[in-house]
Amino acid sequence: MDFEAFAEAWEAAWNSHDLDRILAHYSDDIVFRSHKAMRLVGTGELRGKAALRA
């Protein structure tokens, strides 16, 4: 894997503010942990792309 190319693609997706483009970098079974998520959705852990998208 070309990690530099992956990082550049991820950064470009993030900067595009295109949610589909950002989420394309994650697997369907992603587990996302964040203190900010706790404040926004009431739990610090989101499981799956659908939960992260919401």
Protein backbone atom coordinates (compact mmCIF):
# COMPACT_ATOMS: atom_id res chain seq x y z
CA MET A 1 0.00 0.00 0.00
CA ASP A 2 1.20 3.48 -0.82
CA PHE A 3 0.61 5.14 2.55
CA GLU A 4 1.54 8.59 1.33
CA ALA A 5 -1.01 8.39 -1.49
CA PHE A 6 -3.64 7.12 0.95
CA ALA A 7 -2.95 10.01 3.34
CA GLU A 8 -3.16 12.53 0.51
CA ALA A 9 -6.45 11.03 -0.72
CA TRP A 10 -7.88 11.04 2.82
CA GLU A 11 -6.85 14.66 3.35
CA ALA A 12 -8.35 15.70 0.01
CA ALA A 13 -11.61 13.93 0.91
CA TRP A 14 -11.72 15.60 4.33
CA ASN A 15 -11.06 19.02 2.84
CA SER A 16 -13.77 18.49 0.22
CA HIS A 17 -16.43 18.26 2.96
CA ASP A 18 -18.02 15.47 0.87
CA LEU A 19 -19.29 12.92 3.39
CA ASP A 20 -19.45 10.04 0.89
CA ARG A 21 -15.89 10.72 -0.19
CA ILE A 22 -14.70 10.81 3.43
CA LEU A 23 -16.56 7.65 4.47
CA ALA A 24 -15.18 5.75 1.45
CA HIS A 25 -11.91 5.49 3.41
CA TYR A 26 -13.54 3.49 6.23
CA SER A 27 -14.82 -0.07 6.39
CA ASP A 28 -18.52 -0.77 6.98
CA ASP A 29 -17.76 -2.07 10.48
CA ILE A 30 -15.84 1.01 11.67
CA VAL A 31 -15.75 1.68 15.40
CA PHE A 32 -15.33 5.41 15.99
CA ARG A 33 -14.57 6.75 19.46
CA SER A 34 -14.69 10.43 20.28
CA HIS A 35 -15.41 12.72 23.21
CA LYS A 36 -17.13 15.05 20.75
CA ALA A 37 -19.47 12.22 19.71
CA MET A 38 -20.47 11.88 23.37
CA ARG A 39 -21.53 15.53 23.43
CA LEU A 40 -23.32 15.32 20.07
CA VAL A 41 -25.09 11.96 20.20
CA GLY A 42 -24.88 10.82 23.81
CA THR A 43 -22.36 8.03 23.31
CA GLY A 44 -18.62 8.13 22.85
CA GLU A 45 -18.58 5.14 20.52
CA LEU A 46 -20.28 4.81 17.15
CA ARG A 47 -20.37 1.43 15.42
CA GLY A 48 -20.74 1.12 11.67
CA LYS A 49 -20.73 3.53 8.78
CA ALA A 50 -24.45 4.22 9.08
CA ALA A 51 -24.05 5.40 12.68
CA LEU A 52 -21.04 7.51 11.78
CA ARG A 53 -22.89 9.03 8.82
CA ALA A 54 -25.85 9.97 11.05
